[in-house]
């Protein structure tokens, strides 16, 4: 009987092992399909938009291409997030269509409520939205004829205030008031005491999380932190080149160069010499961050983009 029981258990283990192998094989077969669905919008939507570049006004093409990339990234983060299977369709729809952030795990979570939204979190974004709208209106009305480049820069500053620091923050406050985790995308970037803190913890955290998940972590596991840092900033630069240089039909590679400089700056501040110089903390860290991010801004938003895309957009918006 003992021998029969042992033989029976061995057969059971073989059956379980075979079933596990079959399940694993099936999962592997489903993997490429699931990956294809996750990446399809991020590839197809920008390509479809680029196909119509010749018949679109440059600034219209810019906004459509930016929207196509955003929608593709948004879908990618949602599709790959396990929490979507537990979330209601209303919560998923809200994430996909009514929230500009990219942290699907946090937005779809239902376990803990977000912190209370203070009054200033409503008032400050409103003030920034009004200030940004005033900048856009002033740029298009008063100085565009005599100083178009200056007008373009004023207009871009106004657009950033209206969208990233105004409307997006207001949407964040609204969702948090409704009990959903939707932290602001911009988290007081001027308080950064290092370049790494600026790009990693405070500036446009929606795309930061996406690049960290899809680019940085895979490269870090294989090539180390330095190569992963360069790769993440390179990917960001290429995306900005698409949205900035492609509509302007000039300045190719300049936005990529800007972000590679940022990556080199982060690596430098984390090096032994950078730590000795205090580039990653305190006043020196803040000065280093401010210099590296602002000094080469003309490489990122090069004159061809400002004059050919932003200035016509300002004229179209404020007529």
C-alpha atoms as a PDB file:
ATOM      1  CA  UNK A   1       0.000   0.000   0.000  1.00  0.00           C
ATOM      2  CA  UNK A   2       2.863   2.371   0.820  1.00  0.00           C
ATOM      3  CA  UNK A   3       4.425   1.716  -2.578  1.00  0.00           C
ATOM      4  CA  UNK A   4       1.095   2.242  -4.346  1.00  0.00           C
ATOM      5  CA  UNK A   5       0.523   5.522  -2.445  1.00  0.00           C
ATOM      6  CA  UNK A   6       3.993   6.748  -3.334  1.00  0.00           C
ATOM      7  CA  UNK A   7       3.484   5.869  -6.983  1.00  0.00           C
ATOM      8  CA  UNK A   8       0.124   7.621  -6.953  1.00  0.00           C
ATOM      9  CA  UNK A   9       1.649  10.789  -5.461  1.00  0.00           C
ATOM     10  CA  UNK A  10       4.444  10.708  -8.049  1.00  0.00           C
ATOM     11  CA  UNK A  11       1.865  10.481 -10.834  1.00  0.00           C
ATOM     12  CA  UNK A  12      -0.043  13.372  -9.273  1.00  0.00           C
ATOM     13  CA  UNK A  13       3.108  15.488  -9.185  1.00  0.00           C
ATOM     14  CA  UNK A  14       3.804  14.657 -12.828  1.00  0.00           C
ATOM     15  CA  UNK A  15       0.259  15.644 -13.779  1.00  0.00           C
ATOM     16  CA  UNK A  16       0.497  18.929 -11.849  1.00  0.00           C
ATOM     17  CA  UNK A  17       3.909  19.644 -13.383  1.00  0.00           C
ATOM     18  CA  UNK A  18       2.575  18.931 -16.888  1.00  0.00           C
ATOM     19  CA  UNK A  19      -0.456  21.143 -16.285  1.00  0.00           C
ATOM     20  CA  UNK A  20       1.791  23.906 -15.012  1.00  0.00           C
ATOM     21  CA  UNK A  21       3.968  23.593 -18.102  1.00  0.00           C
ATOM     22  CA  UNK A  22       0.895  23.816 -20.326  1.00  0.00           C
ATOM     23  CA  UNK A  23      -0.371  26.878 -18.460  1.00  0.00           C
ATOM     24  CA  UNK A  24       3.046  28.493 -18.699  1.00  0.00           C
ATOM     25  CA  UNK A  25       3.178  27.724 -22.426  1.00  0.00           C
ATOM     26  CA  UNK A  26      -0.293  29.195 -22.900  1.00  0.00           C
ATOM     27  CA  UNK A  27       0.716  32.317 -20.954  1.00  0.00           C
ATOM     28  CA  UNK A  28       3.779  32.685 -23.145  1.00  0.00           C
ATOM     29  CA  UNK A  29       1.602  32.334 -26.216  1.00  0.00           C
ATOM     30  CA  UNK A  30      -0.757  35.034 -24.910  1.00  0.00           C
ATOM     31  CA  UNK A  31       2.139  37.302 -23.933  1.00  0.00           C
ATOM     32  CA  UNK A  32       3.055  38.607 -27.414  1.00  0.00           C
ATOM     33  CA  UNK A  33      -0.612  39.220 -28.227  1.00  0.00           C
ATOM     34  CA  UNK A  34      -1.174  41.164 -25.053  1.00  0.00           C
ATOM     35  CA  UNK A  35       2.013  43.128 -25.673  1.00  0.00           C
ATOM     36  CA  UNK A  36       0.884  43.868 -29.221  1.00  0.00           C
ATOM     37  CA  UNK A  37      -2.449  45.251 -28.000  1.00  0.00           C
ATOM     38  CA  UNK A  38      -0.671  47.362 -25.390  1.00  0.00           C
ATOM     39  CA  UNK A  39       1.712  48.938 -27.897  1.00  0.00           C
ATOM     40  CA  UNK A  40      -0.548  49.178 -30.954  1.00  0.00           C
ATOM     41  CA  UNK A  41      -2.107  52.630 -30.231  1.00  0.00           C
ATOM     42  CA  UNK A  42       1.281  54.102 -29.267  1.00  0.00           C
ATOM     43  CA  UNK A  43       2.665  53.083 -32.649  1.00  0.00           C
ATOM     44  CA  UNK A  44      -0.381  53.382 -34.915  1.00  0.00           C
ATOM     45  CA  UNK A  45      -1.830  56.718 -33.762  1.00  0.00           C
ATOM     46  CA  UNK A  46       1.369  58.806 -34.193  1.00  0.00           C
ATOM     47  CA  UNK A  47       2.083  57.153 -37.551  1.00  0.00           C
ATOM     48  CA  UNK A  48      -1.451  57.886 -38.741  1.00  0.00           C
ATOM     49  CA  UNK A  49      -1.074  61.518 -37.666  1.00  0.00           C
ATOM     50  CA  UNK A  50       2.323  61.858 -39.369  1.00  0.00           C
ATOM     51  CA  UNK A  51       0.764  60.549 -42.590  1.00  0.00           C
ATOM     52  CA  UNK A  52      -1.383  63.713 -42.739  1.00  0.00           C
ATOM     53  CA  UNK A  53       1.413  66.173 -41.932  1.00  0.00           C
ATOM     54  CA  UNK A  54       1.506  67.638 -45.437  1.00  0.00           C
ATOM     55  CA  UNK A  55      -2.161  68.704 -45.317  1.00  0.00           C
ATOM     56  CA  UNK A  56      -2.195  70.051 -41.757  1.00  0.00           C
ATOM     57  CA  UNK A  57      -1.242  73.476 -40.442  1.00  0.00           C
ATOM     58  CA  UNK A  58       1.992  73.064 -38.398  1.00  0.00           C
ATOM     59  CA  UNK A  59       0.443  74.003 -35.060  1.00  0.00           C
ATOM     60  CA  UNK A  60      -2.580  71.759 -35.692  1.00  0.00           C
ATOM     61  CA  UNK A  61      -0.227  68.918 -36.577  1.00  0.00           C
ATOM     62  CA  UNK A  62       1.755  69.543 -33.370  1.00  0.00           C
ATOM     63  CA  UNK A  63      -1.299  69.301 -31.113  1.00  0.00           C
ATOM     64  CA  UNK A  64      -2.689  66.251 -32.928  1.00  0.00           C
ATOM     65  CA  UNK A  65       0.651  64.448 -32.766  1.00  0.00           C
ATOM     66  CA  UNK A  66       1.054  65.287 -29.073  1.00  0.00           C
ATOM     67  CA  UNK A  67      -2.483  63.999 -28.457  1.00  0.00           C
ATOM     68  CA  UNK A  68      -1.785  60.808 -30.412  1.00  0.00           C
ATOM     69  CA  UNK A  69       1.348  60.081 -28.367  1.00  0.00           C
ATOM     70  CA  UNK A  70      -0.480  60.903 -25.149  1.00  0.00           C
ATOM     71  CA  UNK A  71      -3.413  58.594 -25.962  1.00  0.00           C
ATOM     72  CA  UNK A  72      -1.019  55.796 -26.933  1.00  0.00           C
ATOM     73  CA  UNK A  73       0.928  56.164 -23.684  1.00  0.00           C
ATOM     74  CA  UNK A  74      -2.280  56.361 -21.701  1.00  0.00           C
ATOM     75  CA  UNK A  75      -3.592  53.142 -23.186  1.00  0.00           C
ATOM     76  CA  UNK A  76      -0.255  51.439 -22.567  1.00  0.00           C
ATOM     77  CA  UNK A  77      -0.262  52.290 -18.868  1.00  0.00           C
ATOM     78  CA  UNK A  78      -3.879  51.159 -18.445  1.00  0.00           C
ATOM     79  CA  UNK A  79      -3.583  47.925 -20.403  1.00  0.00           C
ATOM     80  CA  UNK A  80      -0.473  46.788 -18.534  1.00  0.00           C
ATOM     81  CA  UNK A  81      -1.885  47.630 -15.087  1.00  0.00           C
ATOM     82  CA  UNK A  82      -3.293  44.598 -13.182  1.00  0.00           C
ATOM     83  CA  UNK A  83      -5.508  46.881 -11.071  1.00  0.00           C
ATOM     84  CA  UNK A  84      -7.718  47.542 -14.095  1.00  0.00           C
ATOM     85  CA  UNK A  85      -9.227  44.064 -13.702  1.00  0.00           C
ATOM     86  CA  UNK A  86     -10.464  44.984 -10.226  1.00  0.00           C
ATOM     87  CA  UNK A  87     -11.561  48.530 -11.055  1.00  0.00           C
ATOM     88  CA  UNK A  88     -15.030  49.391 -12.346  1.00  0.00           C
ATOM     89  CA  UNK A  89     -15.478  50.434 -15.943  1.00  0.00           C
ATOM     90  CA  UNK A  90     -16.393  53.919 -14.730  1.00  0.00           C
ATOM     91  CA  UNK A  91     -13.057  54.250 -12.925  1.00  0.00           C
ATOM     92  CA  UNK A  92     -11.167  52.993 -15.980  1.00  0.00           C
ATOM     93  CA  UNK A  93     -13.046  55.392 -18.257  1.00  0.00           C
ATOM     94  CA  UNK A  94     -12.266  58.252 -15.889  1.00  0.00           C
ATOM     95  CA  UNK A  95      -8.584  57.355 -15.984  1.00  0.00           C
ATOM     96  CA  UNK A  96      -8.474  57.057 -19.755  1.00  0.00           C
ATOM     97  CA  UNK A  97     -10.500  60.144 -20.675  1.00  0.00           C
ATOM     98  CA  UNK A  98     -10.680  62.486 -17.695  1.00  0.00           C
ATOM     99  CA  UNK A  99      -7.245  62.408 -16.109  1.00  0.00           C
ATOM    100  CA  UNK A 100      -3.968  63.640 -17.732  1.00  0.00           C
ATOM    101  CA  UNK A 101      -1.704  61.589 -15.446  1.00  0.00           C
ATOM    102  CA  UNK A 102      -0.107  58.225 -16.217  1.00  0.00           C
ATOM    103  CA  UNK A 103      -0.144  56.478 -12.821  1.00  0.00           C
ATOM    104  CA  UNK A 104      -2.843  53.901 -13.461  1.00  0.00           C
ATOM    105  CA  UNK A 105      -2.055  51.889 -10.318  1.00  0.00           C
ATOM    106  CA  UNK A 106      -2.576  54.882  -8.050  1.00  0.00           C
ATOM    107  CA  UNK A 107      -5.665  56.232  -9.833  1.00  0.00           C
ATOM    108  CA  UNK A 108      -7.427  52.854  -9.996  1.00  0.00           C
ATOM    109  CA  UNK A 109      -6.680  51.964  -6.363  1.00  0.00           C
ATOM    110  CA  UNK A 110      -9.646  51.842  -3.996  1.00  0.00           C
ATOM    111  CA  UNK A 111      -8.014  50.743  -0.733  1.00  0.00           C
ATOM    112  CA  UNK A 112      -7.062  54.066   0.902  1.00  0.00           C
ATOM    113  CA  UNK A 113      -8.631  57.531   0.475  1.00  0.00           C
ATOM    114  CA  UNK A 114      -6.444  60.462  -0.653  1.00  0.00           C
ATOM    115  CA  UNK A 115      -5.562  63.284   1.753  1.00  0.00           C
ATOM    116  CA  UNK A 116      -7.947  66.191   2.246  1.00  0.00           C
ATOM    117  CA  UNK A 117      -7.804  68.882  -0.448  1.00  0.00           C
ATOM    118  CA  UNK A 118      -7.053  72.293   1.031  1.00  0.00           C
ATOM    119  CA  UNK A 119      -8.615  75.531  -0.197  1.00  0.00           C
ATOM    120  CA  UNK A 120      -5.347  76.832  -1.654  1.00  0.00           C
ATOM    121  CA  UNK A 121      -5.188  73.765  -3.923  1.00  0.00           C
ATOM    122  CA  UNK A 122      -8.227  75.192  -5.700  1.00  0.00           C
ATOM    123  CA  UNK A 123      -7.249  78.861  -5.635  1.00  0.00           C
ATOM    124  CA  UNK A 124      -3.611  78.600  -6.752  1.00  0.00           C
ATOM    125  CA  UNK A 125      -4.364  76.650  -9.975  1.00  0.00           C
ATOM    126  CA  UNK A 126      -7.149  79.122 -10.775  1.00  0.00           C
ATOM    127  CA  UNK A 127      -4.731  82.033 -10.380  1.00  0.00           C
ATOM    128  CA  UNK A 128      -2.136  80.288 -12.565  1.00  0.00           C
ATOM    129  CA  UNK A 129      -4.736  79.597 -15.251  1.00  0.00           C
ATOM    130  CA  UNK A 130      -5.778  83.247 -15.355  1.00  0.00           C
ATOM    131  CA  UNK A 131      -2.148  84.437 -15.356  1.00  0.00           C
ATOM    132  CA  UNK A 132      -1.277  82.037 -18.171  1.00  0.00           C
ATOM    133  CA  UNK A 133      -4.288  83.095 -20.238  1.00  0.00           C
ATOM    134  CA  UNK A 134      -3.273  86.724 -19.773  1.00  0.00           C
ATOM    135  CA  UNK A 135       0.260  85.916 -20.977  1.00  0.00           C
ATOM    136  CA  UNK A 136      -1.070  84.163 -24.079  1.00  0.00           C
ATOM    137  CA  UNK A 137      -3.428  87.032 -24.871  1.00  0.00           C
ATOM    138  CA  UNK A 138      -0.715  89.660 -24.297  1.00  0.00           C
ATOM    139  CA  UNK A 139       1.842  87.785 -26.373  1.00  0.00           C
ATOM    140  CA  UNK A 140      -0.489  87.580 -29.352  1.00  0.00           C
ATOM    141  CA  UNK A 141      -1.897  91.104 -29.048  1.00  0.00           C
ATOM    142  CA  UNK A 142       0.930  93.438 -28.149  1.00  0.00           C
ATOM    143  CA  UNK A 143       4.404  92.279 -29.153  1.00  0.00           C
ATOM    144  CA  UNK A 144       3.990  89.610 -31.791  1.00  0.00           C
ATOM    145  CA  UNK A 145       4.503  92.004 -34.708  1.00  0.00           C
ATOM    146  CA  UNK A 146       7.711  93.635 -33.433  1.00  0.00           C
ATOM    147  CA  UNK A 147       9.246  90.742 -31.481  1.00  0.00           C
ATOM    148  CA  UNK A 148       7.761  87.431 -32.658  1.00  0.00           C
ATOM    149  CA  UNK A 149      10.367  85.271 -30.917  1.00  0.00           C
ATOM    150  CA  UNK A 150       9.741  86.987 -27.594  1.00  0.00           C
ATOM    151  CA  UNK A 151       5.999  86.662 -28.157  1.00  0.00           C
ATOM    152  CA  UNK A 152       6.385  82.959 -28.813  1.00  0.00           C
ATOM    153  CA  UNK A 153       8.254  82.427 -25.562  1.00  0.00           C
ATOM    154  CA  UNK A 154       5.674  84.406 -23.620  1.00  0.00           C
ATOM    155  CA  UNK A 155       2.958  82.362 -25.226  1.00  0.00           C
ATOM    156  CA  UNK A 156       4.658  79.065 -24.366  1.00  0.00           C
ATOM    157  CA  UNK A 157       5.044  80.151 -20.750  1.00  0.00           C
ATOM    158  CA  UNK A 158       1.362  81.018 -20.704  1.00  0.00           C
ATOM    159  CA  UNK A 159       0.387  77.651 -22.197  1.00  0.00           C
ATOM    160  CA  UNK A 160       2.425  75.789 -19.567  1.00  0.00           C
ATOM    161  CA  UNK A 161       0.805  77.831 -16.780  1.00  0.00           C
ATOM    162  CA  UNK A 162      -2.685  77.238 -18.151  1.00  0.00           C
ATOM    163  CA  UNK A 163      -2.301  73.497 -18.745  1.00  0.00           C
ATOM    164  CA  UNK A 164       0.336  71.942 -16.478  1.00  0.00           C
ATOM    165  CA  UNK A 165       0.115  74.264 -13.475  1.00  0.00           C
ATOM    166  CA  UNK A 166      -3.488  75.386 -13.846  1.00  0.00           C
ATOM    167  CA  UNK A 167      -6.054  73.075 -15.423  1.00  0.00           C
ATOM    168  CA  UNK A 168      -4.215  69.834 -14.626  1.00  0.00           C
ATOM    169  CA  UNK A 169      -3.818  70.826 -10.962  1.00  0.00           C
ATOM    170  CA  UNK A 170      -7.510  71.729 -10.797  1.00  0.00           C
ATOM    171  CA  UNK A 171      -8.442  68.322 -12.223  1.00  0.00           C
ATOM    172  CA  UNK A 172      -6.200  66.712  -9.614  1.00  0.00           C
ATOM    173  CA  UNK A 173      -7.961  68.597  -6.819  1.00  0.00           C
ATOM    174  CA  UNK A 174     -11.355  67.603  -8.209  1.00  0.00           C
ATOM    175  CA  UNK A 175     -10.522  63.892  -8.329  1.00  0.00           C
ATOM    176  CA  UNK A 176      -8.958  63.906  -4.873  1.00  0.00           C
ATOM    177  CA  UNK A 177     -12.062  65.631  -3.533  1.00  0.00           C
ATOM    178  CA  UNK A 178     -14.050  62.757  -5.033  1.00  0.00           C
ATOM    179  CA  UNK A 179     -11.885  60.232  -3.146  1.00  0.00           C
ATOM    180  CA  UNK A 180      -9.563  59.167  -5.974  1.00  0.00           C
ATOM    181  CA  UNK A 181      -5.768  59.174  -5.848  1.00  0.00           C
ATOM    182  CA  UNK A 182      -4.783  61.692  -8.507  1.00  0.00           C
ATOM    183  CA  UNK A 183      -1.727  63.557  -7.296  1.00  0.00           C
ATOM    184  CA  UNK A 184      -0.645  66.688  -9.224  1.00  0.00           C
ATOM    185  CA  UNK A 185       1.563  66.030 -12.216  1.00  0.00           C
ATOM    186  CA  UNK A 186       3.736  69.038 -11.379  1.00  0.00           C
ATOM    187  CA  UNK A 187       4.868  68.966  -7.735  1.00  0.00           C
ATOM    188  CA  UNK A 188       6.447  72.356  -7.088  1.00  0.00           C
ATOM    189  CA  UNK A 189       9.478  71.848  -9.367  1.00  0.00           C
ATOM    190  CA  UNK A 190      11.110  75.126  -8.285  1.00  0.00           C
ATOM    191  CA  UNK A 191      11.668  73.596  -4.853  1.00  0.00           C
ATOM    192  CA  UNK A 192      13.999  70.962  -6.302  1.00  0.00           C
ATOM    193  CA  UNK A 193      17.415  70.883  -4.668  1.00  0.00           C
ATOM    194  CA  UNK A 194      18.969  68.751  -7.377  1.00  0.00           C
ATOM    195  CA  UNK A 195      18.578  68.000 -11.063  1.00  0.00           C
ATOM    196  CA  UNK A 196      17.647  64.413 -10.249  1.00  0.00           C
ATOM    197  CA  UNK A 197      14.907  65.572  -7.913  1.00  0.00           C
ATOM    198  CA  UNK A 198      13.595  67.975 -10.560  1.00  0.00           C
ATOM    199  CA  UNK A 199      13.215  65.348 -13.278  1.00  0.00           C
ATOM    200  CA  UNK A 200      12.517  62.353 -11.038  1.00  0.00           C
ATOM    201  CA  UNK A 201      10.149  63.669  -8.374  1.00  0.00           C
ATOM    202  CA  UNK A 202       8.671  67.011  -9.389  1.00  0.00           C
ATOM    203  CA  UNK A 203       8.454  67.703 -13.152  1.00  0.00           C
ATOM    204  CA  UNK A 204       5.733  66.113 -15.302  1.00  0.00           C
ATOM    205  CA  UNK A 205       5.500  62.955 -13.236  1.00  0.00           C
ATOM    206  CA  UNK A 206       3.022  61.380 -15.630  1.00  0.00           C
ATOM    207  CA  UNK A 207       5.579  60.696 -18.338  1.00  0.00           C
ATOM    208  CA  UNK A 208       8.352  60.216 -15.774  1.00  0.00           C
ATOM    209  CA  UNK A 209       6.666  57.095 -14.384  1.00  0.00           C
ATOM    210  CA  UNK A 210       6.075  55.766 -17.892  1.00  0.00           C
ATOM    211  CA  UNK A 211       9.714  56.229 -18.948  1.00  0.00           C
ATOM    212  CA  UNK A 212      10.906  54.733 -15.658  1.00  0.00           C
ATOM    213  CA  UNK A 213       8.785  51.622 -16.163  1.00  0.00           C
ATOM    214  CA  UNK A 214       9.317  51.069 -19.886  1.00  0.00           C
ATOM    215  CA  UNK A 215      12.868  52.340 -20.370  1.00  0.00           C
ATOM    216  CA  UNK A 216      14.843  52.907 -17.177  1.00  0.00           C
ATOM    217  CA  UNK A 217      14.161  49.698 -15.248  1.00  0.00           C
ATOM    218  CA  UNK A 218      14.740  47.289 -18.184  1.00  0.00           C
ATOM    219  CA  UNK A 219      17.989  49.048 -19.107  1.00  0.00           C
ATOM    220  CA  UNK A 220      19.115  49.213 -15.478  1.00  0.00           C
ATOM    221  CA  UNK A 221      18.741  45.470 -15.024  1.00  0.00           C
ATOM    222  CA  UNK A 222      20.858  44.790 -18.080  1.00  0.00           C
ATOM    223  CA  UNK A 223      23.351  47.656 -18.385  1.00  0.00           C
ATOM    224  CA  UNK A 224      23.358  49.529 -15.071  1.00  0.00           C
ATOM    225  CA  UNK A 225      22.088  52.870 -13.765  1.00  0.00           C
ATOM    226  CA  UNK A 226      24.220  55.145 -15.963  1.00  0.00           C
ATOM    227  CA  UNK A 227      23.117  53.564 -19.240  1.00  0.00           C
ATOM    228  CA  UNK A 228      19.516  53.467 -17.997  1.00  0.00           C
ATOM    229  CA  UNK A 229      19.616  57.183 -17.179  1.00  0.00           C
ATOM    230  CA  UNK A 230      20.954  58.027 -20.640  1.00  0.00           C
ATOM    231  CA  UNK A 231      18.385  55.755 -22.266  1.00  0.00           C
ATOM    232  CA  UNK A 232      15.450  57.302 -20.393  1.00  0.00           C
ATOM    233  CA  UNK A 233      16.481  60.851 -21.296  1.00  0.00           C
ATOM    234  CA  UNK A 234      17.184  59.781 -24.887  1.00  0.00           C
ATOM    235  CA  UNK A 235      13.653  58.376 -25.197  1.00  0.00           C
ATOM    236  CA  UNK A 236      12.196  61.602 -23.805  1.00  0.00           C
ATOM    237  CA  UNK A 237      14.296  63.607 -26.240  1.00  0.00           C
ATOM    238  CA  UNK A 238      13.112  61.607 -29.232  1.00  0.00           C
ATOM    239  CA  UNK A 239       9.469  62.097 -28.245  1.00  0.00           C
ATOM    240  CA  UNK A 240      10.031  65.859 -27.905  1.00  0.00           C
ATOM    241  CA  UNK A 241      11.777  65.883 -31.275  1.00  0.00           C
ATOM    242  CA  UNK A 242       8.657  64.380 -32.810  1.00  0.00           C
ATOM    243  CA  UNK A 243       6.353  66.975 -31.278  1.00  0.00           C
ATOM    244  CA  UNK A 244       8.685  69.989 -31.691  1.00  0.00           C
ATOM    245  CA  UNK A 245      10.974  69.522 -34.701  1.00  0.00           C
ATOM    246  CA  UNK A 246       8.669  67.516 -36.944  1.00  0.00           C
ATOM    247  CA  UNK A 247       5.924  70.193 -37.053  1.00  0.00           C
ATOM    248  CA  UNK A 248       8.576  72.912 -37.525  1.00  0.00           C
ATOM    249  CA  UNK A 249      10.324  70.875 -40.250  1.00  0.00           C
ATOM    250  CA  UNK A 250      13.660  71.995 -38.821  1.00  0.00           C
ATOM    251  CA  UNK A 251      15.882  71.705 -35.770  1.00  0.00           C
ATOM    252  CA  UNK A 252      15.966  67.916 -35.845  1.00  0.00           C
ATOM    253  CA  UNK A 253      17.997  66.485 -33.006  1.00  0.00           C
ATOM    254  CA  UNK A 254      18.088  69.646 -30.899  1.00  0.00           C
ATOM    255  CA  UNK A 255      15.384  68.567 -28.392  1.00  0.00           C
ATOM    256  CA  UNK A 256      17.104  65.188 -28.117  1.00  0.00           C
ATOM    257  CA  UNK A 257      20.396  66.955 -27.427  1.00  0.00           C
ATOM    258  CA  UNK A 258      18.708  68.981 -24.684  1.00  0.00           C
ATOM    259  CA  UNK A 259      17.508  65.878 -22.865  1.00  0.00           C
ATOM    260  CA  UNK A 260      20.829  64.113 -23.287  1.00  0.00           C
ATOM    261  CA  UNK A 261      22.402  67.144 -21.586  1.00  0.00           C
ATOM    262  CA  UNK A 262      19.909  66.697 -18.746  1.00  0.00           C
ATOM    263  CA  UNK A 263      20.864  63.055 -18.432  1.00  0.00           C
ATOM    264  CA  UNK A 264      24.556  63.931 -18.364  1.00  0.00           C
ATOM    265  CA  UNK A 265      23.786  66.557 -15.717  1.00  0.00           C
ATOM    266  CA  UNK A 266      22.034  63.986 -13.514  1.00  0.00           C
ATOM    267  CA  UNK A 267      24.946  61.557 -13.905  1.00  0.00           C
ATOM    268  CA  UNK A 268      27.441  64.333 -13.101  1.00  0.00           C
ATOM    269  CA  UNK A 269      25.661  65.392  -9.920  1.00  0.00           C
ATOM    270  CA  UNK A 270      25.560  61.790  -8.708  1.00  0.00           C
ATOM    271  CA  UNK A 271      29.226  61.173  -9.460  1.00  0.00           C
ATOM    272  CA  UNK A 272      31.911  61.304  -6.783  1.00  0.00           C
ATOM    273  CA  UNK A 273      33.004  64.757  -7.950  1.00  0.00           C
ATOM    274  CA  UNK A 274      29.417  66.012  -8.055  1.00  0.00           C
ATOM    275  CA  UNK A 275      28.808  64.863  -4.504  1.00  0.00           C
ATOM    276  CA  UNK A 276      31.985  66.590  -3.327  1.00  0.00           C
ATOM    277  CA  UNK A 277      30.827  69.815  -4.984  1.00  0.00           C
ATOM    278  CA  UNK A 278      27.414  69.509  -3.350  1.00  0.00           C
ATOM    279  CA  UNK A 279      25.501  69.498  -6.652  1.00  0.00           C
ATOM    280  CA  UNK A 280      22.787  67.220  -5.296  1.00  0.00           C
ATOM    281  CA  UNK A 281      21.556  69.193  -2.314  1.00  0.00           C
ATOM    282  CA  UNK A 282      20.989  72.609  -0.789  1.00  0.00           C
ATOM    283  CA  UNK A 283      21.606  75.921  -2.519  1.00  0.00           C
ATOM    284  CA  UNK A 284      24.304  74.542  -4.796  1.00  0.00           C
ATOM    285  CA  UNK A 285      22.007  71.779  -5.882  1.00  0.00           C
ATOM    286  CA  UNK A 286      19.239  74.280  -6.660  1.00  0.00           C
ATOM    287  CA  UNK A 287      21.617  76.502  -8.653  1.00  0.00           C
ATOM    288  CA  UNK A 288      22.898  73.482 -10.566  1.00  0.00           C
ATOM    289  CA  UNK A 289      19.333  72.404 -11.349  1.00  0.00           C
ATOM    290  CA  UNK A 290      18.314  75.900 -12.469  1.00  0.00           C
ATOM    291  CA  UNK A 291      21.377  76.318 -14.695  1.00  0.00           C
ATOM    292  CA  UNK A 292      21.212  72.926 -16.421  1.00  0.00           C
ATOM    293  CA  UNK A 293      17.465  73.091 -17.089  1.00  0.00           C
ATOM    294  CA  UNK A 294      17.210  76.724 -18.264  1.00  0.00           C
ATOM    295  CA  UNK A 295      20.530  77.571 -19.943  1.00  0.00           C
ATOM    296  CA  UNK A 296      19.978  75.253 -22.955  1.00  0.00           C
ATOM    297  CA  UNK A 297      16.235  75.895 -23.314  1.00  0.00           C
ATOM    298  CA  UNK A 298      16.805  77.482 -26.730  1.00  0.00           C
ATOM    299  CA  UNK A 299      17.995  74.059 -27.865  1.00  0.00           C
ATOM    300  CA  UNK A 300      14.761  72.454 -26.752  1.00  0.00           C
ATOM    301  CA  UNK A 301      12.375  75.112 -28.076  1.00  0.00           C
ATOM    302  CA  UNK A 302      14.498  76.218 -30.998  1.00  0.00           C
ATOM    303  CA  UNK A 303      13.611  79.377 -32.962  1.00  0.00           C
ATOM    304  CA  UNK A 304      12.186  77.482 -35.940  1.00  0.00           C
ATOM    305  CA  UNK A 305       9.616  75.827 -33.688  1.00  0.00           C
ATOM    306  CA  UNK A 306       8.714  79.066 -31.933  1.00  0.00           C
ATOM    307  CA  UNK A 307       8.352  81.082 -35.153  1.00  0.00           C
ATOM    308  CA  UNK A 308       6.737  78.444 -37.368  1.00  0.00           C
ATOM    309  CA  UNK A 309       4.465  76.700 -34.864  1.00  0.00           C
ATOM    310  CA  UNK A 310       3.883  78.679 -31.656  1.00  0.00           C
ATOM    311  CA  UNK A 311       3.522  82.190 -33.127  1.00  0.00           C
ATOM    312  CA  UNK A 312       0.936  81.076 -35.744  1.00  0.00           C
ATOM    313  CA  UNK A 313      -0.895  79.213 -32.995  1.00  0.00           C
ATOM    314  CA  UNK A 314      -1.033  82.375 -30.890  1.00  0.00           C
ATOM    315  CA  UNK A 315      -2.410  84.332 -33.849  1.00  0.00           C
ATOM    316  CA  UNK A 316      -5.063  81.665 -34.414  1.00  0.00           C
ATOM    317  CA  UNK A 317      -6.090  81.558 -30.748  1.00  0.00           C
ATOM    318  CA  UNK A 318      -6.258  85.325 -30.192  1.00  0.00           C
ATOM    319  CA  UNK A 319      -7.696  87.048 -33.230  1.00  0.00           C
END
